[in-house]
């Protein structure tokens, strides 16, 4: 098996495992008595799957309206892929509305794009940053470990670019170019490029 295929397999298994673990976690509140407002602010890591499984999934599976207020600089991109798939599977009735009043950047963009464009809102002063993924420092890494990590990073980037292109008006080539230049998108830019349906909160 080639190194590229091995990397792809490892990444796929990781995402599937994260989603499976999220589905089997005992929710903090299994009951959903009405519509719900959920706020997520901070770095994305593996705990986001447990968080969403407890706070979002029970209501979404019952067809309840859920409002997610998102404010994040990003974090672990593989965890964001898992959250993206978790929401898409759970929200079969398209009842989740995601609103960004401040910022949504890097890995957090995956969560924002997990719902249809008509369910995405951006605040008047909200913004988005697209940039190249970074590689964590590898202490005492040998050449094979470094090669694997670089290959994994390229695959994560390709997946990230593909998801953005599928859920906006942008091509993969345009997304890739914007990431290379570290692009800041205003609320108006986000609506124009198809990241969001509408701007809210302006007076």
Protein backbone atom coordinates (compact mmCIF):
# COMPACT_ATOMS: atom_id res chain seq x y z
CA UNK A 1 0.00 0.00 0.00
CA UNK A 2 1.37 3.42 -0.97
CA UNK A 3 2.08 6.06 1.66
CA UNK A 4 -0.66 8.32 0.23
CA UNK A 5 -3.29 5.59 0.44
CA UNK A 6 -2.20 4.69 3.95
CA UNK A 7 -2.54 8.33 5.04
CA UNK A 8 -5.99 8.56 3.44
CA UNK A 9 -7.08 5.38 5.20
CA UNK A 10 -5.83 6.58 8.59
CA UNK A 11 -7.62 9.93 8.22
CA UNK A 12 -10.87 8.24 7.12
CA UNK A 13 -10.77 5.78 10.01
CA UNK A 14 -10.08 8.62 12.45
CA UNK A 15 -13.13 10.61 11.31
CA UNK A 16 -15.39 7.54 11.32
CA UNK A 17 -14.17 6.58 14.79
CA UNK A 18 -14.80 10.07 16.16
CA UNK A 19 -18.36 10.03 14.78
CA UNK A 20 -19.00 6.55 16.14
CA UNK A 21 -17.71 7.53 19.57
CA UNK A 22 -19.94 10.60 19.53
CA UNK A 23 -23.01 8.48 18.76
CA UNK A 24 -22.34 6.13 21.67
CA UNK A 25 -21.66 8.82 24.28
CA UNK A 26 -24.34 9.00 26.97
CA UNK A 27 -25.93 12.44 26.40
CA UNK A 28 -26.03 14.87 29.30
CA UNK A 29 -29.67 15.54 28.49
CA UNK A 30 -31.39 12.93 26.35
CA UNK A 31 -34.73 14.68 26.55
CA UNK A 32 -35.56 17.60 24.31
CA UNK A 33 -38.64 19.40 25.55
CA UNK A 34 -38.56 22.29 23.11
CA UNK A 35 -36.50 24.41 20.76
CA UNK A 36 -32.95 25.00 21.91
CA UNK A 37 -30.24 27.65 21.82
CA UNK A 38 -26.66 26.36 21.94
CA UNK A 39 -23.54 28.53 22.14
CA UNK A 40 -20.14 27.22 21.08
CA UNK A 41 -17.18 29.50 21.65
CA UNK A 42 -13.53 28.53 21.79
CA UNK A 43 -11.11 26.04 20.31
CA UNK A 44 -12.29 22.93 18.49
CA UNK A 45 -10.98 19.63 19.83
CA UNK A 46 -12.27 16.08 20.33
CA UNK A 47 -14.68 17.23 23.04
CA UNK A 48 -16.83 19.02 20.46
CA UNK A 49 -18.34 15.70 19.41
CA UNK A 50 -19.44 14.93 22.96
CA UNK A 51 -20.67 18.50 23.31
CA UNK A 52 -22.78 18.36 20.14
CA UNK A 53 -24.01 14.82 20.83
CA UNK A 54 -25.40 16.00 24.16
CA UNK A 55 -26.72 19.43 23.20
CA UNK A 56 -27.66 19.25 19.51
CA UNK A 57 -28.36 15.69 18.42
CA UNK A 58 -31.33 14.85 20.74
CA UNK A 59 -33.31 17.88 19.55
CA UNK A 60 -32.34 17.53 15.90
CA UNK A 61 -33.38 13.89 15.81
CA UNK A 62 -36.80 14.94 17.13
CA UNK A 63 -37.12 17.60 14.44
CA UNK A 64 -36.89 20.49 16.89
CA UNK A 65 -35.56 23.89 15.87
CA UNK A 66 -32.03 24.48 17.19
CA UNK A 67 -30.06 27.73 17.06
CA UNK A 68 -26.27 27.36 17.23
CA UNK A 69 -24.30 30.53 17.99
CA UNK A 70 -20.77 29.87 16.74
CA UNK A 71 -17.67 31.86 17.66
CA UNK A 72 -14.35 30.12 17.11
CA UNK A 73 -10.85 30.64 15.72
CA UNK A 74 -10.72 26.95 14.79
CA UNK A 75 -8.64 24.13 16.20
CA UNK A 76 -8.34 20.45 15.32
CA UNK A 77 -9.47 20.03 11.72
CA UNK A 78 -10.11 16.27 11.99
CA UNK A 79 -12.49 16.90 14.89
CA UNK A 80 -14.21 19.54 12.76
CA UNK A 81 -14.66 16.98 9.96
CA UNK A 82 -16.27 14.67 12.51
CA UNK A 83 -18.60 17.42 13.74
CA UNK A 84 -19.49 18.28 10.12
CA UNK A 85 -20.58 14.69 9.44
CA UNK A 86 -22.33 14.31 12.80
CA UNK A 87 -24.53 17.34 12.16
CA UNK A 88 -25.34 16.38 8.58
CA UNK A 89 -26.44 12.90 9.68
CA UNK A 90 -28.46 14.11 12.69
CA UNK A 91 -30.13 17.12 11.06
CA UNK A 92 -32.20 15.28 8.46
CA UNK A 93 -35.03 17.81 8.82
CA UNK A 94 -32.70 20.79 8.25
CA UNK A 95 -33.74 22.37 11.57
CA UNK A 96 -30.33 23.63 12.72
CA UNK A 97 -29.65 27.35 12.22
CA UNK A 98 -26.03 28.50 12.63
CA UNK A 99 -25.30 32.16 13.36
CA UNK A 100 -21.89 33.83 13.65
CA UNK A 101 -21.88 37.25 15.31
CA UNK A 102 -18.12 37.56 15.71
CA UNK A 103 -15.70 35.23 13.95
CA UNK A 104 -15.52 31.81 12.35
CA UNK A 105 -12.10 30.74 11.13
CA UNK A 106 -10.01 27.75 10.14
CA UNK A 107 -11.53 24.45 11.34
CA UNK A 108 -14.67 26.23 12.59
CA UNK A 109 -15.66 26.91 8.98
CA UNK A 110 -16.49 23.20 8.65
CA UNK A 111 -19.11 23.48 11.38
CA UNK A 112 -20.59 26.60 9.79
CA UNK A 113 -20.91 24.76 6.47
CA UNK A 114 -22.52 21.66 7.98
CA UNK A 115 -26.01 23.12 7.40
CA UNK A 116 -27.64 24.31 4.14
CA UNK A 117 -26.81 27.87 3.09
CA UNK A 118 -30.34 29.07 3.91
CA UNK A 119 -29.64 28.11 7.53
CA UNK A 120 -26.41 30.12 7.79
CA UNK A 121 -26.39 33.68 9.13
CA UNK A 122 -23.55 36.12 9.71
CA UNK A 123 -23.67 39.08 12.05
CA UNK A 124 -23.15 42.60 10.73
CA UNK A 125 -19.58 42.70 12.07
CA UNK A 126 -18.85 38.99 11.72
CA UNK A 127 -15.92 37.75 9.68
CA UNK A 128 -14.13 34.65 8.45
CA UNK A 129 -10.45 33.87 7.92
CA UNK A 130 -9.24 31.24 5.46
CA UNK A 131 -5.60 30.20 5.77
CA UNK A 132 -3.22 27.33 5.18
CA UNK A 133 -3.27 24.50 7.73
CA UNK A 134 -0.25 24.27 10.00
CA UNK A 135 1.88 21.34 11.05
CA UNK A 136 2.50 20.82 14.75
CA UNK A 137 6.14 20.65 15.74
CA UNK A 138 7.48 17.11 15.71
CA UNK A 139 10.17 16.64 18.33
CA UNK A 140 12.77 13.99 17.43
CA UNK A 141 10.68 12.90 14.45
CA UNK A 142 12.39 10.69 11.92
CA UNK A 143 12.08 11.25 8.18
CA UNK A 144 9.30 8.67 7.83
CA UNK A 145 7.16 10.23 10.56
CA UNK A 146 7.69 13.66 9.03
CA UNK A 147 6.75 12.35 5.57
CA UNK A 148 3.58 10.80 6.99
CA UNK A 149 2.57 14.00 8.79
CA UNK A 150 3.17 16.13 5.71
CA UNK A 151 1.10 13.73 3.61
CA UNK A 152 -1.66 13.79 6.21
CA UNK A 153 -1.61 17.59 6.21
CA UNK A 154 -2.01 17.67 2.43
CA UNK A 155 -4.97 15.30 2.60
CA UNK A 156 -6.63 17.34 5.34
CA UNK A 157 -6.16 20.45 3.22
CA UNK A 158 -7.69 18.78 0.16
CA UNK A 159 -10.71 17.65 2.20
CA UNK A 160 -11.12 21.13 3.69
CA UNK A 161 -10.98 22.79 0.27
CA UNK A 162 -13.44 20.28 -1.20
CA UNK A 163 -16.03 20.82 1.55
CA UNK A 164 -15.87 24.60 1.12
CA UNK A 165 -16.26 24.34 -2.65
CA UNK A 166 -19.24 21.98 -2.29
CA UNK A 167 -21.07 24.34 0.05
CA UNK A 168 -20.34 27.79 -1.46
CA UNK A 169 -20.17 29.53 -4.83
CA UNK A 170 -16.39 29.11 -4.99
CA UNK A 171 -14.31 26.65 -6.99
CA UNK A 172 -11.61 24.53 -5.36
CA UNK A 173 -8.98 26.56 -7.21
CA UNK A 174 -10.34 29.83 -5.80
CA UNK A 175 -10.57 28.43 -2.27
CA UNK A 176 -7.01 27.14 -2.49
CA UNK A 177 -5.77 30.54 -3.67
CA UNK A 178 -7.61 32.34 -0.86
CA UNK A 179 -6.05 30.02 1.72
CA UNK A 180 -2.54 30.62 0.37
CA UNK A 181 -3.03 34.36 0.73
CA UNK A 182 -4.71 34.13 4.20
CA UNK A 183 -7.95 35.85 3.25
CA UNK A 184 -10.20 37.82 5.59
CA UNK A 185 -13.85 37.77 4.53
CA UNK A 186 -16.32 40.36 5.77
CA UNK A 187 -19.99 39.61 6.32
CA UNK A 188 -20.72 41.02 2.87
CA UNK A 189 -18.03 38.80 1.32
CA UNK A 190 -19.47 35.74 3.03
CA UNK A 191 -22.91 36.35 1.54
CA UNK A 192 -21.46 37.11 -1.91
CA UNK A 193 -19.40 33.90 -1.97
CA UNK A 194 -22.21 31.71 -0.62
CA UNK A 195 -20.88 31.05 2.87
CA UNK A 196 -23.97 32.65 4.41
CA UNK A 197 -27.50 33.39 3.24
CA UNK A 198 -28.04 36.66 5.08
CA UNK A 199 -26.54 39.31 7.35
CA UNK A 200 -28.29 39.88 10.67
CA UNK A 201 -28.02 42.43 13.48
CA UNK A 202 -27.34 45.54 11.43
CA UNK A 203 -29.24 48.70 12.34
